[in-house]
N, C-alpha and C. Protein backbone atom coordinates (compact mmCIF):
# COMPACT_ATOMS: atom_id res chain seq x y z
N MET A 1 0.78 -25.56 17.27
CA MET A 1 1.78 -25.53 16.20
C MET A 1 1.24 -24.68 15.05
N VAL A 2 2.08 -23.80 14.56
CA VAL A 2 1.72 -22.94 13.44
C VAL A 2 1.80 -23.75 12.15
N ARG A 3 0.78 -23.62 11.32
CA ARG A 3 0.78 -24.27 10.01
C ARG A 3 1.13 -23.22 8.96
N ILE A 4 2.13 -23.53 8.15
CA ILE A 4 2.56 -22.61 7.10
C ILE A 4 2.48 -23.33 5.76
N SER A 5 1.73 -22.73 4.85
CA SER A 5 1.64 -23.24 3.48
C SER A 5 2.68 -22.53 2.65
N TYR A 6 3.39 -23.29 1.84
CA TYR A 6 4.39 -22.65 0.99
C TYR A 6 4.23 -23.13 -0.44
N SER A 7 4.71 -22.30 -1.36
CA SER A 7 4.65 -22.63 -2.78
C SER A 7 5.94 -22.13 -3.44
N LEU A 8 6.23 -22.71 -4.58
CA LEU A 8 7.44 -22.37 -5.34
C LEU A 8 7.02 -21.71 -6.64
N HIS A 9 7.76 -20.68 -7.04
CA HIS A 9 7.39 -19.88 -8.21
C HIS A 9 8.62 -19.52 -9.03
N GLN A 10 8.40 -19.38 -10.32
CA GLN A 10 9.42 -18.85 -11.22
C GLN A 10 9.19 -17.35 -11.35
N SER A 11 10.28 -16.60 -11.42
CA SER A 11 10.17 -15.16 -11.68
C SER A 11 11.27 -14.79 -12.66
N PRO A 12 11.19 -13.62 -13.25
CA PRO A 12 12.26 -13.18 -14.15
C PRO A 12 13.61 -13.02 -13.44
N PHE A 13 13.60 -13.04 -12.11
CA PHE A 13 14.81 -12.81 -11.33
C PHE A 13 15.27 -14.04 -10.57
N GLY A 14 14.67 -15.17 -10.85
CA GLY A 14 15.03 -16.41 -10.19
C GLY A 14 13.84 -17.06 -9.51
N GLU A 15 14.09 -18.24 -8.99
CA GLU A 15 13.03 -18.98 -8.31
C GLU A 15 12.74 -18.38 -6.95
N LEU A 16 11.45 -18.43 -6.57
CA LEU A 16 11.00 -17.89 -5.29
C LEU A 16 10.27 -18.96 -4.50
N ILE A 17 10.41 -18.89 -3.19
CA ILE A 17 9.57 -19.65 -2.28
C ILE A 17 8.73 -18.62 -1.55
N MET A 18 7.45 -18.90 -1.42
CA MET A 18 6.52 -17.98 -0.77
C MET A 18 5.75 -18.77 0.26
N ALA A 19 5.56 -18.20 1.45
CA ALA A 19 4.88 -18.93 2.52
C ALA A 19 3.89 -18.02 3.23
N SER A 20 2.83 -18.64 3.76
CA SER A 20 1.84 -17.87 4.49
C SER A 20 1.21 -18.71 5.58
N THR A 21 0.72 -18.00 6.59
CA THR A 21 -0.09 -18.59 7.65
C THR A 21 -1.54 -18.32 7.27
N GLU A 22 -2.45 -18.68 8.12
CA GLU A 22 -3.86 -18.37 7.84
C GLU A 22 -4.11 -16.86 7.93
N VAL A 23 -3.20 -16.11 8.56
CA VAL A 23 -3.34 -14.66 8.68
C VAL A 23 -2.87 -13.95 7.42
N GLY A 24 -1.75 -14.41 6.84
CA GLY A 24 -1.23 -13.76 5.65
C GLY A 24 0.18 -14.22 5.32
N VAL A 25 0.76 -13.57 4.33
CA VAL A 25 2.09 -13.92 3.84
C VAL A 25 3.13 -13.59 4.90
N CYS A 26 3.99 -14.57 5.18
CA CYS A 26 5.01 -14.39 6.22
C CYS A 26 6.43 -14.50 5.69
N TYR A 27 6.59 -14.91 4.42
CA TYR A 27 7.95 -15.19 3.94
C TYR A 27 7.96 -15.27 2.42
N ILE A 28 8.95 -14.64 1.82
CA ILE A 28 9.25 -14.81 0.39
C ILE A 28 10.76 -14.70 0.25
N SER A 29 11.33 -15.60 -0.51
CA SER A 29 12.77 -15.55 -0.68
C SER A 29 13.15 -16.12 -2.05
N PHE A 30 14.16 -15.54 -2.65
CA PHE A 30 14.77 -16.15 -3.82
C PHE A 30 15.56 -17.35 -3.34
N PHE A 31 15.74 -18.35 -4.21
CA PHE A 31 16.54 -19.50 -3.82
C PHE A 31 17.25 -20.11 -5.01
N ASP A 32 18.33 -20.83 -4.69
CA ASP A 32 19.08 -21.54 -5.71
C ASP A 32 18.69 -23.01 -5.77
N THR A 33 18.44 -23.60 -4.59
CA THR A 33 17.99 -24.99 -4.54
C THR A 33 16.79 -25.09 -3.62
N LYS A 34 15.92 -26.03 -3.93
CA LYS A 34 14.73 -26.23 -3.11
C LYS A 34 15.12 -26.61 -1.68
N ASP A 35 16.13 -27.46 -1.52
CA ASP A 35 16.56 -27.86 -0.18
C ASP A 35 17.01 -26.66 0.65
N ALA A 36 17.78 -25.76 0.03
CA ALA A 36 18.24 -24.57 0.73
C ALA A 36 17.07 -23.66 1.09
N ALA A 37 16.10 -23.57 0.19
CA ALA A 37 14.92 -22.74 0.44
C ALA A 37 14.14 -23.26 1.63
N LEU A 38 13.92 -24.57 1.68
CA LEU A 38 13.18 -25.16 2.80
C LEU A 38 13.95 -25.04 4.11
N ALA A 39 15.26 -25.22 4.05
CA ALA A 39 16.08 -25.08 5.26
C ALA A 39 15.98 -23.66 5.81
N ASP A 40 16.00 -22.66 4.94
CA ASP A 40 15.89 -21.27 5.39
C ASP A 40 14.50 -21.00 5.96
N LEU A 41 13.47 -21.51 5.32
CA LEU A 41 12.10 -21.36 5.82
C LEU A 41 11.98 -21.99 7.21
N GLU A 42 12.52 -23.19 7.38
CA GLU A 42 12.49 -23.87 8.68
C GLU A 42 13.28 -23.10 9.74
N ARG A 43 14.38 -22.49 9.33
CA ARG A 43 15.20 -21.71 10.27
C ARG A 43 14.42 -20.50 10.79
N HIS A 44 13.65 -19.88 9.93
CA HIS A 44 12.87 -18.71 10.34
C HIS A 44 11.62 -19.07 11.12
N PHE A 45 11.11 -20.28 10.91
CA PHE A 45 9.88 -20.71 11.57
C PHE A 45 10.06 -22.09 12.19
N PRO A 46 10.94 -22.19 13.19
CA PRO A 46 11.22 -23.50 13.79
C PRO A 46 9.96 -24.09 14.43
N GLY A 47 9.77 -25.37 14.19
CA GLY A 47 8.64 -26.07 14.77
C GLY A 47 7.34 -25.92 14.01
N ALA A 48 7.30 -25.08 12.99
CA ALA A 48 6.07 -24.91 12.21
C ALA A 48 5.85 -26.14 11.33
N LEU A 49 4.59 -26.43 11.07
CA LEU A 49 4.22 -27.49 10.15
C LEU A 49 4.21 -26.88 8.75
N LEU A 50 5.13 -27.30 7.89
CA LEU A 50 5.25 -26.74 6.55
C LEU A 50 4.56 -27.65 5.55
N GLU A 51 3.71 -27.05 4.73
CA GLU A 51 2.95 -27.83 3.75
C GLU A 51 3.11 -27.19 2.37
N LEU A 52 3.62 -27.97 1.42
CA LEU A 52 3.72 -27.52 0.04
C LEU A 52 2.35 -27.61 -0.60
N GLN A 53 1.85 -26.50 -1.13
CA GLN A 53 0.56 -26.52 -1.81
C GLN A 53 0.41 -25.29 -2.69
N VAL A 54 -0.47 -25.37 -3.64
CA VAL A 54 -0.80 -24.22 -4.47
C VAL A 54 -1.66 -23.29 -3.61
N VAL A 55 -1.24 -22.04 -3.51
CA VAL A 55 -1.97 -21.07 -2.70
C VAL A 55 -2.35 -19.91 -3.63
N LYS A 56 -3.62 -19.73 -3.84
CA LYS A 56 -4.10 -18.69 -4.75
C LYS A 56 -3.60 -17.31 -4.34
N LEU A 57 -3.57 -17.03 -3.04
CA LEU A 57 -3.07 -15.74 -2.56
C LEU A 57 -1.66 -15.48 -3.06
N HIS A 58 -0.80 -16.48 -3.03
CA HIS A 58 0.57 -16.32 -3.49
C HIS A 58 0.60 -15.94 -4.97
N GLU A 59 -0.15 -16.68 -5.77
CA GLU A 59 -0.18 -16.40 -7.21
C GLU A 59 -0.74 -15.00 -7.48
N ASP A 60 -1.80 -14.65 -6.77
CA ASP A 60 -2.42 -13.33 -6.96
C ASP A 60 -1.46 -12.20 -6.59
N LEU A 61 -0.78 -12.33 -5.45
CA LEU A 61 0.11 -11.26 -5.00
C LEU A 61 1.33 -11.11 -5.91
N LEU A 62 1.91 -12.22 -6.33
CA LEU A 62 3.05 -12.12 -7.26
C LEU A 62 2.60 -11.51 -8.58
N GLY A 63 1.43 -11.92 -9.07
CA GLY A 63 0.90 -11.33 -10.30
C GLY A 63 0.68 -9.84 -10.17
N GLU A 64 0.10 -9.42 -9.03
CA GLU A 64 -0.13 -8.00 -8.78
C GLU A 64 1.19 -7.24 -8.72
N TRP A 65 2.18 -7.81 -8.04
CA TRP A 65 3.45 -7.11 -7.92
C TRP A 65 4.13 -6.95 -9.28
N PHE A 66 4.16 -8.01 -10.07
CA PHE A 66 4.83 -7.91 -11.36
C PHE A 66 4.06 -7.04 -12.35
N LYS A 67 2.77 -6.87 -12.15
CA LYS A 67 1.98 -6.01 -13.03
C LYS A 67 2.08 -4.54 -12.62
N HIS A 68 2.05 -4.27 -11.30
CA HIS A 68 1.98 -2.90 -10.81
C HIS A 68 3.23 -2.43 -10.06
N GLY A 69 4.05 -3.35 -9.59
CA GLY A 69 5.25 -2.98 -8.85
C GLY A 69 5.02 -2.73 -7.37
N PHE A 70 3.82 -2.98 -6.92
CA PHE A 70 3.51 -2.82 -5.50
C PHE A 70 2.29 -3.67 -5.16
N ILE A 71 2.04 -3.79 -3.87
CA ILE A 71 0.88 -4.51 -3.36
C ILE A 71 -0.09 -3.47 -2.81
N ALA A 72 -1.30 -3.47 -3.34
CA ALA A 72 -2.29 -2.47 -2.95
C ALA A 72 -2.84 -2.68 -1.53
N SER A 73 -2.76 -3.89 -1.03
CA SER A 73 -3.34 -4.21 0.28
C SER A 73 -2.28 -4.76 1.22
N PRO A 74 -1.56 -3.88 1.93
CA PRO A 74 -0.49 -4.36 2.80
C PRO A 74 -0.97 -5.20 3.98
N GLU A 75 -2.28 -5.27 4.22
CA GLU A 75 -2.78 -6.09 5.31
C GLU A 75 -2.73 -7.58 4.99
N VAL A 76 -2.18 -7.95 3.84
CA VAL A 76 -2.06 -9.36 3.47
C VAL A 76 -0.87 -10.04 4.15
N PHE A 77 -0.12 -9.31 4.96
CA PHE A 77 1.08 -9.85 5.58
C PHE A 77 0.83 -10.36 7.00
N ASP A 78 1.60 -11.34 7.39
CA ASP A 78 1.66 -11.82 8.78
C ASP A 78 3.13 -11.74 9.17
N LEU A 79 3.54 -10.54 9.62
CA LEU A 79 4.95 -10.29 9.92
C LEU A 79 5.14 -10.01 11.40
N GLN A 80 6.19 -10.55 11.94
CA GLN A 80 6.55 -10.32 13.33
C GLN A 80 7.75 -9.39 13.36
N GLY A 81 7.67 -8.33 14.12
CA GLY A 81 8.79 -7.41 14.23
C GLY A 81 8.52 -6.37 15.29
N THR A 82 9.55 -5.63 15.61
CA THR A 82 9.41 -4.56 16.59
C THR A 82 8.60 -3.42 15.96
N GLU A 83 8.19 -2.48 16.78
CA GLU A 83 7.46 -1.31 16.28
C GLU A 83 8.33 -0.55 15.27
N PHE A 84 9.63 -0.43 15.55
CA PHE A 84 10.53 0.27 14.64
C PHE A 84 10.64 -0.48 13.31
N GLN A 85 10.82 -1.80 13.37
CA GLN A 85 10.91 -2.59 12.14
C GLN A 85 9.64 -2.44 11.31
N ARG A 86 8.51 -2.51 11.96
CA ARG A 86 7.24 -2.37 11.25
C ARG A 86 7.11 -0.99 10.59
N ALA A 87 7.61 0.04 11.28
CA ALA A 87 7.58 1.39 10.71
C ALA A 87 8.45 1.46 9.46
N VAL A 88 9.63 0.85 9.53
CA VAL A 88 10.52 0.83 8.37
C VAL A 88 9.86 0.07 7.22
N TRP A 89 9.31 -1.10 7.48
CA TRP A 89 8.67 -1.90 6.43
C TRP A 89 7.48 -1.15 5.83
N SER A 90 6.73 -0.47 6.68
CA SER A 90 5.60 0.32 6.20
C SER A 90 6.07 1.43 5.26
N ARG A 91 7.17 2.06 5.62
CA ARG A 91 7.72 3.12 4.76
C ARG A 91 8.20 2.55 3.43
N LEU A 92 8.80 1.38 3.46
CA LEU A 92 9.24 0.74 2.22
C LEU A 92 8.06 0.49 1.29
N LEU A 93 6.92 0.13 1.86
CA LEU A 93 5.72 -0.13 1.05
C LEU A 93 5.23 1.13 0.34
N GLN A 94 5.63 2.30 0.82
CA GLN A 94 5.20 3.55 0.21
C GLN A 94 6.07 3.97 -0.97
N LEU A 95 7.22 3.32 -1.13
CA LEU A 95 8.10 3.65 -2.26
C LEU A 95 7.46 3.17 -3.56
N GLN A 96 7.49 4.01 -4.55
CA GLN A 96 6.91 3.67 -5.85
C GLN A 96 7.87 2.80 -6.65
N PRO A 97 7.36 2.00 -7.56
CA PRO A 97 8.22 1.19 -8.42
C PRO A 97 9.24 2.06 -9.14
N GLY A 98 10.49 1.65 -9.10
CA GLY A 98 11.56 2.40 -9.73
C GLY A 98 12.13 3.52 -8.88
N GLU A 99 11.43 3.86 -7.79
CA GLU A 99 11.91 4.91 -6.88
C GLU A 99 13.00 4.33 -5.98
N ARG A 100 14.01 5.11 -5.75
CA ARG A 100 15.08 4.70 -4.83
C ARG A 100 15.08 5.63 -3.63
N SER A 101 15.46 5.07 -2.52
CA SER A 101 15.59 5.84 -1.30
C SER A 101 16.87 5.39 -0.61
N THR A 102 17.25 6.08 0.46
CA THR A 102 18.45 5.71 1.19
C THR A 102 18.08 5.31 2.61
N TYR A 103 19.03 4.69 3.29
CA TYR A 103 18.84 4.31 4.68
C TYR A 103 18.53 5.56 5.52
N GLY A 104 19.25 6.63 5.26
CA GLY A 104 19.03 7.88 5.98
C GLY A 104 17.66 8.48 5.72
N ASP A 105 17.22 8.43 4.46
CA ASP A 105 15.89 8.94 4.12
C ASP A 105 14.80 8.17 4.87
N ILE A 106 14.96 6.86 4.93
CA ILE A 106 13.97 6.04 5.63
C ILE A 106 14.00 6.35 7.12
N ALA A 107 15.21 6.48 7.68
CA ALA A 107 15.33 6.81 9.11
C ALA A 107 14.61 8.13 9.41
N THR A 108 14.82 9.13 8.57
CA THR A 108 14.15 10.42 8.76
C THR A 108 12.63 10.26 8.63
N ALA A 109 12.20 9.50 7.65
CA ALA A 109 10.76 9.31 7.41
C ALA A 109 10.05 8.63 8.58
N VAL A 110 10.77 7.78 9.31
CA VAL A 110 10.14 7.10 10.46
C VAL A 110 10.41 7.84 11.77
N GLY A 111 10.96 9.04 11.68
CA GLY A 111 11.14 9.88 12.86
C GLY A 111 12.39 9.61 13.68
N ARG A 112 13.35 8.89 13.10
CA ARG A 112 14.60 8.59 13.82
C ARG A 112 15.78 8.87 12.87
N PRO A 113 16.04 10.15 12.58
CA PRO A 113 17.02 10.51 11.54
C PRO A 113 18.43 9.99 11.73
N LYS A 114 18.82 9.67 12.95
CA LYS A 114 20.17 9.16 13.17
C LYS A 114 20.22 7.64 13.19
N ALA A 115 19.11 6.99 12.97
CA ALA A 115 19.02 5.53 13.09
C ALA A 115 19.19 4.81 11.76
N TYR A 116 20.03 5.35 10.88
CA TYR A 116 20.18 4.73 9.56
C TYR A 116 20.75 3.31 9.64
N ARG A 117 21.60 3.03 10.62
CA ARG A 117 22.12 1.66 10.77
C ARG A 117 21.01 0.73 11.24
N ALA A 118 20.17 1.20 12.14
CA ALA A 118 19.03 0.40 12.60
C ALA A 118 18.06 0.15 11.45
N VAL A 119 17.93 1.14 10.56
CA VAL A 119 17.10 0.95 9.37
C VAL A 119 17.67 -0.19 8.53
N GLY A 120 18.99 -0.21 8.37
CA GLY A 120 19.63 -1.29 7.62
C GLY A 120 19.36 -2.65 8.25
N THR A 121 19.40 -2.70 9.56
CA THR A 121 19.10 -3.96 10.27
C THR A 121 17.65 -4.37 10.05
N ALA A 122 16.74 -3.40 10.15
CA ALA A 122 15.31 -3.70 9.93
C ALA A 122 15.07 -4.19 8.51
N ILE A 123 15.73 -3.56 7.56
CA ILE A 123 15.58 -3.98 6.16
C ILE A 123 16.12 -5.40 5.99
N GLY A 124 17.23 -5.70 6.65
CA GLY A 124 17.80 -7.04 6.59
C GLY A 124 16.90 -8.10 7.20
N ARG A 125 16.00 -7.69 8.07
CA ARG A 125 15.08 -8.64 8.71
C ARG A 125 13.74 -8.73 7.99
N ASN A 126 13.62 -8.06 6.87
CA ASN A 126 12.41 -8.14 6.05
C ASN A 126 12.35 -9.54 5.44
N LEU A 127 11.37 -10.32 5.83
CA LEU A 127 11.24 -11.69 5.33
C LEU A 127 10.36 -11.79 4.09
N VAL A 128 9.95 -10.66 3.56
CA VAL A 128 9.02 -10.70 2.42
C VAL A 128 9.65 -9.97 1.23
N ALA A 129 10.58 -10.66 0.57
CA ALA A 129 11.27 -10.09 -0.59
C ALA A 129 10.26 -9.61 -1.63
N LEU A 130 10.62 -8.64 -2.40
CA LEU A 130 9.81 -8.03 -3.45
C LEU A 130 8.62 -7.28 -2.92
N LEU A 131 7.71 -7.98 -2.23
CA LEU A 131 6.46 -7.35 -1.83
C LEU A 131 6.69 -6.18 -0.88
N ILE A 132 7.64 -6.31 0.02
CA ILE A 132 8.13 -5.16 0.79
C ILE A 132 9.49 -4.86 0.16
N PRO A 133 9.53 -3.83 -0.69
CA PRO A 133 10.64 -3.64 -1.64
C PRO A 133 11.94 -3.09 -1.05
N CYS A 134 12.64 -3.92 -0.30
CA CYS A 134 13.92 -3.50 0.28
C CYS A 134 14.98 -3.27 -0.80
N HIS A 135 14.77 -3.82 -1.99
CA HIS A 135 15.73 -3.62 -3.07
C HIS A 135 15.76 -2.16 -3.55
N ARG A 136 14.79 -1.35 -3.16
CA ARG A 136 14.75 0.05 -3.59
C ARG A 136 15.62 0.97 -2.74
N ILE A 137 16.32 0.40 -1.75
CA ILE A 137 17.17 1.19 -0.88
C ILE A 137 18.61 1.13 -1.37
N THR A 138 19.21 2.30 -1.52
CA THR A 138 20.59 2.40 -1.96
C THR A 138 21.38 3.22 -0.95
N GLN A 139 22.67 3.23 -1.10
CA GLN A 139 23.52 4.06 -0.26
C GLN A 139 23.35 5.52 -0.68
N ARG A 140 23.65 6.41 0.23
CA ARG A 140 23.53 7.84 -0.07
C ARG A 140 24.38 8.22 -1.30
N SER A 141 25.50 7.54 -1.49
CA SER A 141 26.39 7.81 -2.63
C SER A 141 25.76 7.42 -3.96
N GLY A 142 24.65 6.66 -3.89
CA GLY A 142 24.02 6.18 -5.11
C GLY A 142 24.39 4.75 -5.44
N LYS A 143 25.42 4.22 -4.76
CA LYS A 143 25.78 2.83 -4.98
C LYS A 143 24.64 1.93 -4.55
N ILE A 144 24.54 0.80 -5.21
CA ILE A 144 23.44 -0.12 -4.92
C ILE A 144 23.55 -0.69 -3.52
N GLY A 145 24.70 -1.03 -3.07
CA GLY A 145 24.85 -1.59 -1.72
C GLY A 145 24.46 -3.05 -1.65
N GLY A 146 24.48 -3.58 -0.46
CA GLY A 146 24.22 -5.00 -0.27
C GLY A 146 22.78 -5.40 -0.51
N TYR A 147 22.61 -6.70 -0.73
CA TYR A 147 21.29 -7.28 -0.92
C TYR A 147 21.42 -8.76 -0.62
N ARG A 148 20.51 -9.28 0.16
CA ARG A 148 20.57 -10.67 0.61
C ARG A 148 20.74 -11.65 -0.57
N TRP A 149 20.19 -11.31 -1.70
CA TRP A 149 20.23 -12.23 -2.84
C TRP A 149 21.21 -11.76 -3.92
N GLY A 150 22.13 -10.89 -3.54
CA GLY A 150 23.21 -10.49 -4.43
C GLY A 150 22.95 -9.16 -5.15
N ILE A 151 24.02 -8.43 -5.33
CA ILE A 151 23.95 -7.14 -6.00
C ILE A 151 23.48 -7.27 -7.45
N PRO A 152 23.93 -8.30 -8.21
CA PRO A 152 23.42 -8.41 -9.58
C PRO A 152 21.89 -8.53 -9.64
N ARG A 153 21.29 -9.26 -8.72
CA ARG A 153 19.83 -9.41 -8.71
C ARG A 153 19.17 -8.08 -8.34
N LYS A 154 19.73 -7.38 -7.35
CA LYS A 154 19.18 -6.08 -6.96
C LYS A 154 19.26 -5.10 -8.12
N ASP A 155 20.40 -5.07 -8.80
CA ASP A 155 20.56 -4.20 -9.95
C ASP A 155 19.55 -4.54 -11.04
N ALA A 156 19.35 -5.83 -11.29
CA ALA A 156 18.38 -6.26 -12.30
C ALA A 156 16.96 -5.83 -11.93
N LEU A 157 16.61 -5.98 -10.66
CA LEU A 157 15.28 -5.55 -10.20
C LEU A 157 15.09 -4.05 -10.40
N LEU A 158 16.08 -3.27 -10.01
CA LEU A 158 15.97 -1.82 -10.14
C LEU A 158 15.90 -1.39 -11.61
N ARG A 159 16.71 -2.01 -12.46
CA ARG A 159 16.66 -1.67 -13.89
C ARG A 159 15.32 -2.07 -14.49
N TRP A 160 14.81 -3.26 -14.13
CA TRP A 160 13.52 -3.72 -14.64
C TRP A 160 12.41 -2.76 -14.22
N GLU A 161 12.40 -2.35 -12.95
CA GLU A 161 11.37 -1.42 -12.49
C GLU A 161 11.44 -0.09 -13.24
N SER A 162 12.65 0.42 -13.42
CA SER A 162 12.81 1.69 -14.13
C SER A 162 12.28 1.59 -15.56
N GLN A 163 12.58 0.49 -16.22
CA GLN A 163 12.15 0.30 -17.60
C GLN A 163 10.65 0.01 -17.69
N THR A 164 10.12 -0.73 -16.74
CA THR A 164 8.73 -1.16 -16.80
C THR A 164 7.76 -0.08 -16.33
N PHE A 165 8.12 0.64 -15.29
CA PHE A 165 7.16 1.55 -14.66
C PHE A 165 7.47 3.03 -14.87
N ASN A 166 8.66 3.35 -15.37
CA ASN A 166 9.02 4.75 -15.53
C ASN A 166 9.23 5.15 -16.99
N SER A 167 8.76 4.32 -17.91
CA SER A 167 8.98 4.70 -19.31
C SER A 167 7.72 5.19 -19.95
């Protein structure tokens, strides 16, 4: 049985639940209620033993992200995905704070220029909000587009990054 430690955090953009295995961070999500957050965590990791505890790694990574807008050591993750999904997530990690990219740009960057819809699917399967910055992806038209935690939150994240890191 996989053991997953999780912790709850306040952020300027709402409450977060963060979870990790002994290998690394496997999940971060914004939430409205603790019950909903735990239900979603259980849905993604059925049968795992979930333990609420203070995890220094979680605090350190969130602090690093809010200070710098990125994670310097991407090996801190324990993510399961296809080779294509991992390539997309890796490319997202290369985006600078405040930088925006499109689904098509990411598809081209990972060597599959016509796979922009598959890029959208891979981004939707990113279980590590913020740290793998899927919020930096917009539509080619410049519209913000969808976001699992709502367009207002995505817009707030993008505006905050632009003001914090590009001024």
